[in-house]
């Protein structure tokens, strides 16, 4: 079945939808708003597209800000044919990369300062987790949200919170917490493809992770990373194919 615009409009609180053949006429500029995420997102997207140029810039802007307006249809067709279209939807991949990079950078910086004697007696991994949590929250605000983005943020927040509380970070409990939080706010998300595919892929990867951890050391280190990528794609594909 196709996308049900009537159902989506109902839950978005819209009374009607339509289109016009005439261009949009701006009567007056919109009043400035404090912390306007949409305006900031569009400015960043425009700056990236101008700096990089071409469809490369449009895809980069979509990956970073969620603005896909610059991507042409032939580029969309290529990504759909290669099964890579999902990467331009801000979700777990983007949020995890941001949080992981921020966490690693802050922790290495803190360890370096400890080595120089500038900081003493501090649990730098907890400071790094707090900084990564803040960066993830800003990214969620900037990206405009969405079921997959909200799910990934909640799971990242639970994992970083577990680090702060000296608890286990990766488990199915994080999936359950994210699902409960999203469904409490938007129960209609349960029947959307984004919710179902996102949670199916995430749950399957977490279920496979313990087995991978037990057997990964048997592989040569030079192929371990590639094997993990192939296994992750395979498991996620099997989980979401139905």
C-alpha atoms as a PDB file:
ATOM      1  CA  UNK A   1       0.000   0.000   0.000  1.00  0.00           C
ATOM      2  CA  UNK A   2       1.086   3.585  -0.589  1.00  0.00           C
ATOM      3  CA  UNK A   3       1.679   6.214   2.041  1.00  0.00           C
ATOM      4  CA  UNK A   4      -1.613   7.308   3.608  1.00  0.00           C
ATOM      5  CA  UNK A   5      -1.492  11.105   3.554  1.00  0.00           C
ATOM      6  CA  UNK A   6      -4.906  11.379   5.219  1.00  0.00           C
ATOM      7  CA  UNK A   7      -3.816   9.350   8.209  1.00  0.00           C
ATOM      8  CA  UNK A   8      -0.539  11.256   8.560  1.00  0.00           C
ATOM      9  CA  UNK A   9      -2.368  14.594   8.303  1.00  0.00           C
ATOM     10  CA  UNK A  10      -4.845  13.519  10.977  1.00  0.00           C
ATOM     11  CA  UNK A  11      -2.141  12.750  13.518  1.00  0.00           C
ATOM     12  CA  UNK A  12      -0.246  15.912  12.528  1.00  0.00           C
ATOM     13  CA  UNK A  13      -3.351  17.948  13.330  1.00  0.00           C
ATOM     14  CA  UNK A  14      -3.883  19.197   9.771  1.00  0.00           C
ATOM     15  CA  UNK A  15      -7.375  19.872   8.483  1.00  0.00           C
ATOM     16  CA  UNK A  16      -6.572  19.726   4.783  1.00  0.00           C
ATOM     17  CA  UNK A  17      -3.742  19.331   2.297  1.00  0.00           C
ATOM     18  CA  UNK A  18      -3.390  20.519  -1.287  1.00  0.00           C
ATOM     19  CA  UNK A  19      -1.161  22.139  -3.862  1.00  0.00           C
ATOM     20  CA  UNK A  20      -1.017  25.236  -6.015  1.00  0.00           C
ATOM     21  CA  UNK A  21       0.252  25.868  -9.527  1.00  0.00           C
ATOM     22  CA  UNK A  22       1.314  29.407  -8.591  1.00  0.00           C
ATOM     23  CA  UNK A  23       4.590  30.193  -6.855  1.00  0.00           C
ATOM     24  CA  UNK A  24       4.529  31.017  -3.157  1.00  0.00           C
ATOM     25  CA  UNK A  25       4.234  34.742  -2.505  1.00  0.00           C
ATOM     26  CA  UNK A  26       5.840  36.047   0.685  1.00  0.00           C
ATOM     27  CA  UNK A  27       3.783  38.931   2.034  1.00  0.00           C
ATOM     28  CA  UNK A  28       6.133  39.692   4.934  1.00  0.00           C
ATOM     29  CA  UNK A  29       9.202  38.001   6.381  1.00  0.00           C
ATOM     30  CA  UNK A  30       8.573  35.600   9.217  1.00  0.00           C
ATOM     31  CA  UNK A  31       9.239  37.071  12.656  1.00  0.00           C
ATOM     32  CA  UNK A  32      12.515  35.953  14.216  1.00  0.00           C
ATOM     33  CA  UNK A  33      12.283  33.118  16.699  1.00  0.00           C
ATOM     34  CA  UNK A  34      14.620  32.220  19.517  1.00  0.00           C
ATOM     35  CA  UNK A  35      16.537  29.002  18.772  1.00  0.00           C
ATOM     36  CA  UNK A  36      14.940  28.424  15.353  1.00  0.00           C
ATOM     37  CA  UNK A  37      16.164  24.921  14.514  1.00  0.00           C
ATOM     38  CA  UNK A  38      14.603  24.920  11.048  1.00  0.00           C
ATOM     39  CA  UNK A  39      16.324  28.143   9.973  1.00  0.00           C
ATOM     40  CA  UNK A  40      19.661  26.960  11.364  1.00  0.00           C
ATOM     41  CA  UNK A  41      19.286  23.576   9.661  1.00  0.00           C
ATOM     42  CA  UNK A  42      18.574  25.191   6.291  1.00  0.00           C
ATOM     43  CA  UNK A  43      21.509  27.613   6.655  1.00  0.00           C
ATOM     44  CA  UNK A  44      23.885  24.761   7.452  1.00  0.00           C
ATOM     45  CA  UNK A  45      22.505  22.702   4.566  1.00  0.00           C
ATOM     46  CA  UNK A  46      22.904  25.583   2.134  1.00  0.00           C
ATOM     47  CA  UNK A  47      26.468  26.255   3.314  1.00  0.00           C
ATOM     48  CA  UNK A  48      27.420  22.574   2.864  1.00  0.00           C
ATOM     49  CA  UNK A  49      25.915  22.385  -0.610  1.00  0.00           C
ATOM     50  CA  UNK A  50      27.708  25.553  -1.693  1.00  0.00           C
ATOM     51  CA  UNK A  51      31.042  24.453  -0.222  1.00  0.00           C
ATOM     52  CA  UNK A  52      31.018  20.898  -1.627  1.00  0.00           C
ATOM     53  CA  UNK A  53      28.901  21.422  -4.716  1.00  0.00           C
ATOM     54  CA  UNK A  54      26.911  19.064  -6.918  1.00  0.00           C
ATOM     55  CA  UNK A  55      25.022  16.038  -5.726  1.00  0.00           C
ATOM     56  CA  UNK A  56      27.885  15.211  -3.371  1.00  0.00           C
ATOM     57  CA  UNK A  57      27.096  18.377  -1.436  1.00  0.00           C
ATOM     58  CA  UNK A  58      23.373  17.633  -1.467  1.00  0.00           C
ATOM     59  CA  UNK A  59      23.920  14.135  -0.051  1.00  0.00           C
ATOM     60  CA  UNK A  60      26.385  15.438   2.547  1.00  0.00           C
ATOM     61  CA  UNK A  61      23.858  18.066   3.647  1.00  0.00           C
ATOM     62  CA  UNK A  62      21.169  15.390   3.964  1.00  0.00           C
ATOM     63  CA  UNK A  63      23.453  13.193   6.058  1.00  0.00           C
ATOM     64  CA  UNK A  64      24.316  16.032   8.422  1.00  0.00           C
ATOM     65  CA  UNK A  65      21.108  18.048   8.659  1.00  0.00           C
ATOM     66  CA  UNK A  66      18.308  15.862   7.270  1.00  0.00           C
ATOM     67  CA  UNK A  67      17.559  18.371   4.481  1.00  0.00           C
ATOM     68  CA  UNK A  68      17.061  16.253   1.343  1.00  0.00           C
ATOM     69  CA  UNK A  69      15.668  19.019  -0.857  1.00  0.00           C
ATOM     70  CA  UNK A  70      18.883  19.310  -2.889  1.00  0.00           C
ATOM     71  CA  UNK A  71      19.021  15.647  -3.897  1.00  0.00           C
ATOM     72  CA  UNK A  72      17.833  15.108  -7.466  1.00  0.00           C
ATOM     73  CA  UNK A  73      15.535  12.257  -8.417  1.00  0.00           C
ATOM     74  CA  UNK A  74      18.148  10.376 -10.442  1.00  0.00           C
ATOM     75  CA  UNK A  75      20.391  10.334  -7.344  1.00  0.00           C
ATOM     76  CA  UNK A  76      17.506   8.980  -5.291  1.00  0.00           C
ATOM     77  CA  UNK A  77      16.955   6.255  -7.897  1.00  0.00           C
ATOM     78  CA  UNK A  78      20.615   5.242  -7.771  1.00  0.00           C
ATOM     79  CA  UNK A  79      20.592   4.994  -3.977  1.00  0.00           C
ATOM     80  CA  UNK A  80      17.345   3.013  -4.012  1.00  0.00           C
ATOM     81  CA  UNK A  81      18.736   0.581  -6.604  1.00  0.00           C
ATOM     82  CA  UNK A  82      21.899   0.071  -4.537  1.00  0.00           C
ATOM     83  CA  UNK A  83      19.878  -0.328  -1.305  1.00  0.00           C
ATOM     84  CA  UNK A  84      21.635   2.681   0.230  1.00  0.00           C
ATOM     85  CA  UNK A  85      18.722   5.111   0.379  1.00  0.00           C
ATOM     86  CA  UNK A  86      18.294   4.555   4.125  1.00  0.00           C
ATOM     87  CA  UNK A  87      21.607   6.231   4.923  1.00  0.00           C
ATOM     88  CA  UNK A  88      20.224   9.713   4.187  1.00  0.00           C
ATOM     89  CA  UNK A  89      17.558   9.278   6.874  1.00  0.00           C
ATOM     90  CA  UNK A  90      19.083  10.446  10.150  1.00  0.00           C
ATOM     91  CA  UNK A  91      18.845   7.472  12.476  1.00  0.00           C
ATOM     92  CA  UNK A  92      21.021   5.163  14.556  1.00  0.00           C
ATOM     93  CA  UNK A  93      24.038   5.269  12.237  1.00  0.00           C
ATOM     94  CA  UNK A  94      24.339   9.050  12.355  1.00  0.00           C
ATOM     95  CA  UNK A  95      23.511   9.436  16.043  1.00  0.00           C
ATOM     96  CA  UNK A  96      25.893   6.653  17.057  1.00  0.00           C
ATOM     97  CA  UNK A  97      28.736   8.041  14.966  1.00  0.00           C
ATOM     98  CA  UNK A  98      28.249  11.508  16.455  1.00  0.00           C
ATOM     99  CA  UNK A  99      27.978  10.252  20.028  1.00  0.00           C
ATOM    100  CA  UNK A 100      30.862   7.805  19.600  1.00  0.00           C
ATOM    101  CA  UNK A 101      33.175  10.398  18.064  1.00  0.00           C
ATOM    102  CA  UNK A 102      32.330  12.981  20.730  1.00  0.00           C
ATOM    103  CA  UNK A 103      32.764  10.440  23.527  1.00  0.00           C
ATOM    104  CA  UNK A 104      36.121   9.222  22.204  1.00  0.00           C
ATOM    105  CA  UNK A 105      37.429  12.733  21.528  1.00  0.00           C
ATOM    106  CA  UNK A 106      36.461  14.059  24.966  1.00  0.00           C
ATOM    107  CA  UNK A 107      37.828  11.001  26.728  1.00  0.00           C
ATOM    108  CA  UNK A 108      41.163  11.160  24.895  1.00  0.00           C
ATOM    109  CA  UNK A 109      41.368  14.862  25.622  1.00  0.00           C
ATOM    110  CA  UNK A 110      40.661  14.245  29.297  1.00  0.00           C
ATOM    111  CA  UNK A 111      43.206  11.448  29.529  1.00  0.00           C
ATOM    112  CA  UNK A 112      45.775  13.715  27.889  1.00  0.00           C
ATOM    113  CA  UNK A 113      45.095  16.446  30.438  1.00  0.00           C
ATOM    114  CA  UNK A 114      45.393  13.894  33.230  1.00  0.00           C
ATOM    115  CA  UNK A 115      48.710  12.754  31.818  1.00  0.00           C
ATOM    116  CA  UNK A 116      49.941  16.351  31.894  1.00  0.00           C
ATOM    117  CA  UNK A 117      48.794  16.703  35.487  1.00  0.00           C
ATOM    118  CA  UNK A 118      46.181  19.370  34.689  1.00  0.00           C
ATOM    119  CA  UNK A 119      43.312  17.208  35.978  1.00  0.00           C
ATOM    120  CA  UNK A 120      43.440  14.758  38.861  1.00  0.00           C
ATOM    121  CA  UNK A 121      40.964  12.381  40.431  1.00  0.00           C
ATOM    122  CA  UNK A 122      38.269  12.685  37.766  1.00  0.00           C
ATOM    123  CA  UNK A 123      36.430   9.845  35.999  1.00  0.00           C
ATOM    124  CA  UNK A 124      37.004  11.114  32.479  1.00  0.00           C
ATOM    125  CA  UNK A 125      34.806   8.476  30.863  1.00  0.00           C
ATOM    126  CA  UNK A 126      31.818   9.925  32.724  1.00  0.00           C
ATOM    127  CA  UNK A 127      32.656  13.481  31.690  1.00  0.00           C
ATOM    128  CA  UNK A 128      32.977  12.227  28.112  1.00  0.00           C
ATOM    129  CA  UNK A 129      29.608  10.469  28.342  1.00  0.00           C
ATOM    130  CA  UNK A 130      27.981  13.681  29.572  1.00  0.00           C
ATOM    131  CA  UNK A 131      29.486  15.682  26.709  1.00  0.00           C
ATOM    132  CA  UNK A 132      28.394  13.080  24.153  1.00  0.00           C
ATOM    133  CA  UNK A 133      24.873  13.148  25.582  1.00  0.00           C
ATOM    134  CA  UNK A 134      24.726  16.925  25.196  1.00  0.00           C
ATOM    135  CA  UNK A 135      26.029  16.742  21.614  1.00  0.00           C
ATOM    136  CA  UNK A 136      23.440  14.083  20.752  1.00  0.00           C
ATOM    137  CA  UNK A 137      20.623  16.209  22.184  1.00  0.00           C
ATOM    138  CA  UNK A 138      21.724  19.202  20.095  1.00  0.00           C
ATOM    139  CA  UNK A 139      21.853  16.974  16.995  1.00  0.00           C
ATOM    140  CA  UNK A 140      18.332  15.689  17.679  1.00  0.00           C
ATOM    141  CA  UNK A 141      17.076  19.275  17.990  1.00  0.00           C
ATOM    142  CA  UNK A 142      18.884  20.361  14.842  1.00  0.00           C
ATOM    143  CA  UNK A 143      17.733  17.425  12.715  1.00  0.00           C
ATOM    144  CA  UNK A 144      14.051  18.070  13.384  1.00  0.00           C
ATOM    145  CA  UNK A 145      13.371  14.659  14.916  1.00  0.00           C
ATOM    146  CA  UNK A 146      11.538  11.687  13.462  1.00  0.00           C
ATOM    147  CA  UNK A 147      10.794   8.220  14.809  1.00  0.00           C
ATOM    148  CA  UNK A 148      14.156   6.723  13.832  1.00  0.00           C
ATOM    149  CA  UNK A 149      16.059   9.762  15.104  1.00  0.00           C
ATOM    150  CA  UNK A 150      14.142   9.850  18.385  1.00  0.00           C
ATOM    151  CA  UNK A 151      14.626   6.113  18.872  1.00  0.00           C
ATOM    152  CA  UNK A 152      18.360   6.343  18.292  1.00  0.00           C
ATOM    153  CA  UNK A 153      18.693   9.356  20.599  1.00  0.00           C
ATOM    154  CA  UNK A 154      16.818   7.658  23.422  1.00  0.00           C
ATOM    155  CA  UNK A 155      18.951   4.535  23.078  1.00  0.00           C
ATOM    156  CA  UNK A 156      22.149   6.584  22.968  1.00  0.00           C
ATOM    157  CA  UNK A 157      20.945   8.547  26.004  1.00  0.00           C
ATOM    158  CA  UNK A 158      20.226   5.330  27.915  1.00  0.00           C
ATOM    159  CA  UNK A 159      23.640   3.912  26.979  1.00  0.00           C
ATOM    160  CA  UNK A 160      25.478   7.060  28.004  1.00  0.00           C
ATOM    161  CA  UNK A 161      23.396   7.233  31.169  1.00  0.00           C
ATOM    162  CA  UNK A 162      24.445   3.658  31.917  1.00  0.00           C
ATOM    163  CA  UNK A 163      28.087   4.744  31.656  1.00  0.00           C
ATOM    164  CA  UNK A 164      27.391   7.556  34.108  1.00  0.00           C
ATOM    165  CA  UNK A 165      25.753   5.103  36.518  1.00  0.00           C
ATOM    166  CA  UNK A 166      28.280   2.283  35.987  1.00  0.00           C
ATOM    167  CA  UNK A 167      25.686   0.014  34.392  1.00  0.00           C
ATOM    168  CA  UNK A 168      25.663  -2.212  31.317  1.00  0.00           C
ATOM    169  CA  UNK A 169      25.197  -0.031  28.243  1.00  0.00           C
ATOM    170  CA  UNK A 170      24.111  -2.402  25.448  1.00  0.00           C
ATOM    171  CA  UNK A 171      21.018  -4.540  26.084  1.00  0.00           C
ATOM    172  CA  UNK A 172      17.449  -5.034  24.902  1.00  0.00           C
ATOM    173  CA  UNK A 173      16.333  -2.838  27.793  1.00  0.00           C
ATOM    174  CA  UNK A 174      17.512   0.181  25.858  1.00  0.00           C
ATOM    175  CA  UNK A 175      15.268  -0.866  22.953  1.00  0.00           C
ATOM    176  CA  UNK A 176      12.313  -1.289  25.315  1.00  0.00           C
ATOM    177  CA  UNK A 177      12.854   2.109  26.949  1.00  0.00           C
ATOM    178  CA  UNK A 178      13.026   3.806  23.548  1.00  0.00           C
ATOM    179  CA  UNK A 179       9.855   2.058  22.339  1.00  0.00           C
ATOM    180  CA  UNK A 180       7.903   2.952  25.485  1.00  0.00           C
ATOM    181  CA  UNK A 181       8.997   6.597  25.328  1.00  0.00           C
ATOM    182  CA  UNK A 182       8.060   7.004  21.644  1.00  0.00           C
ATOM    183  CA  UNK A 183       4.735   5.173  21.910  1.00  0.00           C
ATOM    184  CA  UNK A 184       3.778   7.152  25.013  1.00  0.00           C
ATOM    185  CA  UNK A 185       4.073  10.367  23.012  1.00  0.00           C
ATOM    186  CA  UNK A 186       2.976   9.088  19.566  1.00  0.00           C
ATOM    187  CA  UNK A 187       1.190   5.702  19.752  1.00  0.00           C
ATOM    188  CA  UNK A 188       0.303   5.941  16.066  1.00  0.00           C
ATOM    189  CA  UNK A 189       3.998   5.426  15.265  1.00  0.00           C
ATOM    190  CA  UNK A 190       3.576   1.709  15.997  1.00  0.00           C
ATOM    191  CA  UNK A 191       2.171   0.945  12.533  1.00  0.00           C
ATOM    192  CA  UNK A 192       4.606   3.120  10.579  1.00  0.00           C
ATOM    193  CA  UNK A 193       7.386   1.492   8.519  1.00  0.00           C
ATOM    194  CA  UNK A 194      10.020   3.712  10.135  1.00  0.00           C
ATOM    195  CA  UNK A 195       9.181   2.482  13.638  1.00  0.00           C
ATOM    196  CA  UNK A 196       8.927  -1.187  12.694  1.00  0.00           C
ATOM    197  CA  UNK A 197      12.064  -1.352  10.552  1.00  0.00           C
ATOM    198  CA  UNK A 198      14.147   0.713  12.937  1.00  0.00           C
ATOM    199  CA  UNK A 199      13.305  -1.369  15.998  1.00  0.00           C
ATOM    200  CA  UNK A 200      13.492  -4.677  14.126  1.00  0.00           C
ATOM    201  CA  UNK A 201      17.010  -3.942  12.877  1.00  0.00           C
ATOM    202  CA  UNK A 202      18.222  -2.621  16.228  1.00  0.00           C
ATOM    203  CA  UNK A 203      16.828  -5.500  18.270  1.00  0.00           C
ATOM    204  CA  UNK A 204      18.305  -8.092  15.917  1.00  0.00           C
ATOM    205  CA  UNK A 205      21.746  -6.486  16.041  1.00  0.00           C
ATOM    206  CA  UNK A 206      21.724  -6.399  19.843  1.00  0.00           C
ATOM    207  CA  UNK A 207      20.689 -10.074  19.950  1.00  0.00           C
ATOM    208  CA  UNK A 208      23.595 -11.038  17.668  1.00  0.00           C
ATOM    209  CA  UNK A 209      26.179  -8.825  19.401  1.00  0.00           C
ATOM    210  CA  UNK A 210      27.008 -11.239  22.303  1.00  0.00           C
ATOM    211  CA  UNK A 211      27.742 -14.090  19.883  1.00  0.00           C
ATOM    212  CA  UNK A 212      29.955 -11.802  17.798  1.00  0.00           C
ATOM    213  CA  UNK A 213      31.844 -10.701  20.911  1.00  0.00           C
ATOM    214  CA  UNK A 214      32.575 -14.310  21.848  1.00  0.00           C
ATOM    215  CA  UNK A 215      33.946 -15.314  18.447  1.00  0.00           C
ATOM    216  CA  UNK A 216      35.363 -12.093  16.996  1.00  0.00           C
ATOM    217  CA  UNK A 217      38.846 -12.676  18.417  1.00  0.00           C
ATOM    218  CA  UNK A 218      39.197 -15.812  16.291  1.00  0.00           C
ATOM    219  CA  UNK A 219      39.381 -13.650  13.180  1.00  0.00           C
ATOM    220  CA  UNK A 220      42.553 -11.805  12.128  1.00  0.00           C
ATOM    221  CA  UNK A 221      42.333  -8.168  13.179  1.00  0.00           C
ATOM    222  CA  UNK A 222      42.773  -7.011   9.592  1.00  0.00           C
ATOM    223  CA  UNK A 223      39.460  -8.582   8.497  1.00  0.00           C
ATOM    224  CA  UNK A 224      37.532  -8.172  11.746  1.00  0.00           C
ATOM    225  CA  UNK A 225      36.134  -4.735  10.891  1.00  0.00           C
ATOM    226  CA  UNK A 226      35.018  -5.746   7.405  1.00  0.00           C
ATOM    227  CA  UNK A 227      33.429  -8.925   8.780  1.00  0.00           C
ATOM    228  CA  UNK A 228      31.495  -6.899  11.343  1.00  0.00           C
ATOM    229  CA  UNK A 229      30.166  -4.577   8.616  1.00  0.00           C
ATOM    230  CA  UNK A 230      29.072  -7.502   6.448  1.00  0.00           C
ATOM    231  CA  UNK A 231      27.448  -9.284   9.393  1.00  0.00           C
ATOM    232  CA  UNK A 232      25.641  -6.132  10.530  1.00  0.00           C
ATOM    233  CA  UNK A 233      24.251  -5.489   7.049  1.00  0.00           C
ATOM    234  CA  UNK A 234      23.188  -9.116   6.687  1.00  0.00           C
ATOM    235  CA  UNK A 235      21.424  -9.280  10.056  1.00  0.00           C
ATOM    236  CA  UNK A 236      19.685  -5.925   9.611  1.00  0.00           C
ATOM    237  CA  UNK A 237      18.623  -6.907   6.096  1.00  0.00           C
ATOM    238  CA  UNK A 238      17.162 -10.212   7.244  1.00  0.00           C
ATOM    239  CA  UNK A 239      15.314  -8.520  10.099  1.00  0.00           C
ATOM    240  CA  UNK A 240      13.756  -5.813   7.936  1.00  0.00           C
ATOM    241  CA  UNK A 241      13.097  -7.786   4.745  1.00  0.00           C
ATOM    242  CA  UNK A 242       9.656  -9.084   5.842  1.00  0.00           C
END
